[in-house]
Structure formats: structure tokens, C-alpha cells
């Protein structure tokens, strides 16, 4: 499918270089906000050289 991104709500985080192992762990803070319950975020990596999006992505739904 196609994921449409709203430019005003996109969050860009610099995560550094990809190590030779091909595995990257990135800490991600989640606010303690009851308004987030039931909302879903989609996370994907953009490589800049060569410029491309990863084929894999993460769907995160906030639960109570």
C-alpha cells in the first residue's frame, strides 16, 4: 500500500550511521500522555546515500 505523510506532523530524527552488522537500535521516548492511547505511529528509515527508504517499517499502537 501507500503511506501518505502529513508534512506538518512528520518527526525526523537523526540516528547516525548504519553499522556493518546491519542492525541498529534507536532509543525512542514515549510521552506519558493518556491522549496517545489508541493512536498509531508508523516508523521507517530513510538512507541518504544512496537515497532510499527501507522496505521494512514499524507500526506502533499505544495501548493503556
C-alpha atoms as a PDB file:
ATOM      1  CA  UNK A   1       0.000   0.000   0.000  1.00  0.00           C
ATOM      2  CA  UNK A   2       0.857   3.662   0.035  1.00  0.00           C
ATOM      3  CA  UNK A   3       1.537   5.649   3.181  1.00  0.00           C
ATOM      4  CA  UNK A   4       0.679   9.344   2.850  1.00  0.00           C
ATOM      5  CA  UNK A   5       2.683  11.578   5.184  1.00  0.00           C
ATOM      6  CA  UNK A   6       1.376  14.878   6.549  1.00  0.00           C
ATOM      7  CA  UNK A   7       4.390  17.222   6.438  1.00  0.00           C
ATOM      8  CA  UNK A   8       3.213  19.263   9.444  1.00  0.00           C
ATOM      9  CA  UNK A   9       3.202  16.196  11.733  1.00  0.00           C
ATOM     10  CA  UNK A  10       6.232  14.252  10.488  1.00  0.00           C
ATOM     11  CA  UNK A  11       9.021  13.711  13.011  1.00  0.00           C
ATOM     12  CA  UNK A  12      12.574  13.470  11.705  1.00  0.00           C
ATOM     13  CA  UNK A  13      15.256  12.021  13.979  1.00  0.00           C
ATOM     14  CA  UNK A  14      18.929  11.690  13.057  1.00  0.00           C
ATOM     15  CA  UNK A  15      20.089   8.216  14.090  1.00  0.00           C
ATOM     16  CA  UNK A  16      23.662   8.260  12.781  1.00  0.00           C
ATOM     17  CA  UNK A  17      25.413   5.765  10.550  1.00  0.00           C
ATOM     18  CA  UNK A  18      24.393   2.162   9.996  1.00  0.00           C
ATOM     19  CA  UNK A  19      26.993  -0.204  11.473  1.00  0.00           C
ATOM     20  CA  UNK A  20      28.498  -3.011   9.367  1.00  0.00           C
ATOM     21  CA  UNK A  21      26.313  -5.547  11.230  1.00  0.00           C
ATOM     22  CA  UNK A  22      23.231  -4.046   9.546  1.00  0.00           C
ATOM     23  CA  UNK A  23      21.396  -3.830  12.877  1.00  0.00           C
ATOM     24  CA  UNK A  24      20.590  -0.526  14.506  1.00  0.00           C
ATOM     25  CA  UNK A  25      18.945   0.130  17.885  1.00  0.00           C
ATOM     26  CA  UNK A  26      17.486   3.592  18.469  1.00  0.00           C
ATOM     27  CA  UNK A  27      16.013   4.722  21.803  1.00  0.00           C
ATOM     28  CA  UNK A  28      12.578   6.266  21.346  1.00  0.00           C
ATOM     29  CA  UNK A  29      10.928   8.218  24.147  1.00  0.00           C
ATOM     30  CA  UNK A  30       7.180   7.892  24.583  1.00  0.00           C
ATOM     31  CA  UNK A  31       5.292  10.610  26.446  1.00  0.00           C
ATOM     32  CA  UNK A  32       3.175   9.597  29.441  1.00  0.00           C
ATOM     33  CA  UNK A  33       0.064  11.118  27.858  1.00  0.00           C
ATOM     34  CA  UNK A  34      -3.362   9.410  28.066  1.00  0.00           C
ATOM     35  CA  UNK A  35      -4.342  11.182  24.829  1.00  0.00           C
ATOM     36  CA  UNK A  36      -1.924   8.871  22.955  1.00  0.00           C
ATOM     37  CA  UNK A  37      -3.928   5.740  23.832  1.00  0.00           C
ATOM     38  CA  UNK A  38      -5.321   4.239  20.661  1.00  0.00           C
ATOM     39  CA  UNK A  39      -3.168   6.318  18.316  1.00  0.00           C
ATOM     40  CA  UNK A  40      -0.812   4.647  15.842  1.00  0.00           C
ATOM     41  CA  UNK A  41       2.556   5.753  14.523  1.00  0.00           C
ATOM     42  CA  UNK A  42       4.448   4.379  11.537  1.00  0.00           C
ATOM     43  CA  UNK A  43       8.254   4.412  11.545  1.00  0.00           C
ATOM     44  CA  UNK A  44      10.602   3.883   8.616  1.00  0.00           C
ATOM     45  CA  UNK A  45      14.254   4.644   7.868  1.00  0.00           C
ATOM     46  CA  UNK A  46      15.478   6.894   5.051  1.00  0.00           C
ATOM     47  CA  UNK A  47      19.031   6.345   3.870  1.00  0.00           C
ATOM     48  CA  UNK A  48      20.689   9.422   2.375  1.00  0.00           C
ATOM     49  CA  UNK A  49      23.464   7.716   0.394  1.00  0.00           C
ATOM     50  CA  UNK A  50      22.112   6.203  -1.757  1.00  0.00           C
ATOM     51  CA  UNK A  51      18.801   7.968  -1.111  1.00  0.00           C
ATOM     52  CA  UNK A  52      16.089   5.367  -0.474  1.00  0.00           C
ATOM     53  CA  UNK A  53      13.517   4.257   2.078  1.00  0.00           C
ATOM     54  CA  UNK A  54      13.840   0.862   3.736  1.00  0.00           C
ATOM     55  CA  UNK A  55      11.416  -1.856   2.694  1.00  0.00           C
ATOM     56  CA  UNK A  56      10.669  -2.594   6.365  1.00  0.00           C
ATOM     57  CA  UNK A  57       8.752  -0.358   8.741  1.00  0.00           C
ATOM     58  CA  UNK A  58       7.267  -0.498  12.232  1.00  0.00           C
ATOM     59  CA  UNK A  59       3.647   0.146  13.207  1.00  0.00           C
ATOM     60  CA  UNK A  60       3.333   1.204  16.857  1.00  0.00           C
ATOM     61  CA  UNK A  61      -0.083   1.471  18.514  1.00  0.00           C
ATOM     62  CA  UNK A  62      -0.253   2.982  22.008  1.00  0.00           C
ATOM     63  CA  UNK A  63      -2.173   0.812  24.469  1.00  0.00           C
ATOM     64  CA  UNK A  64      -3.304   1.636  28.024  1.00  0.00           C
END
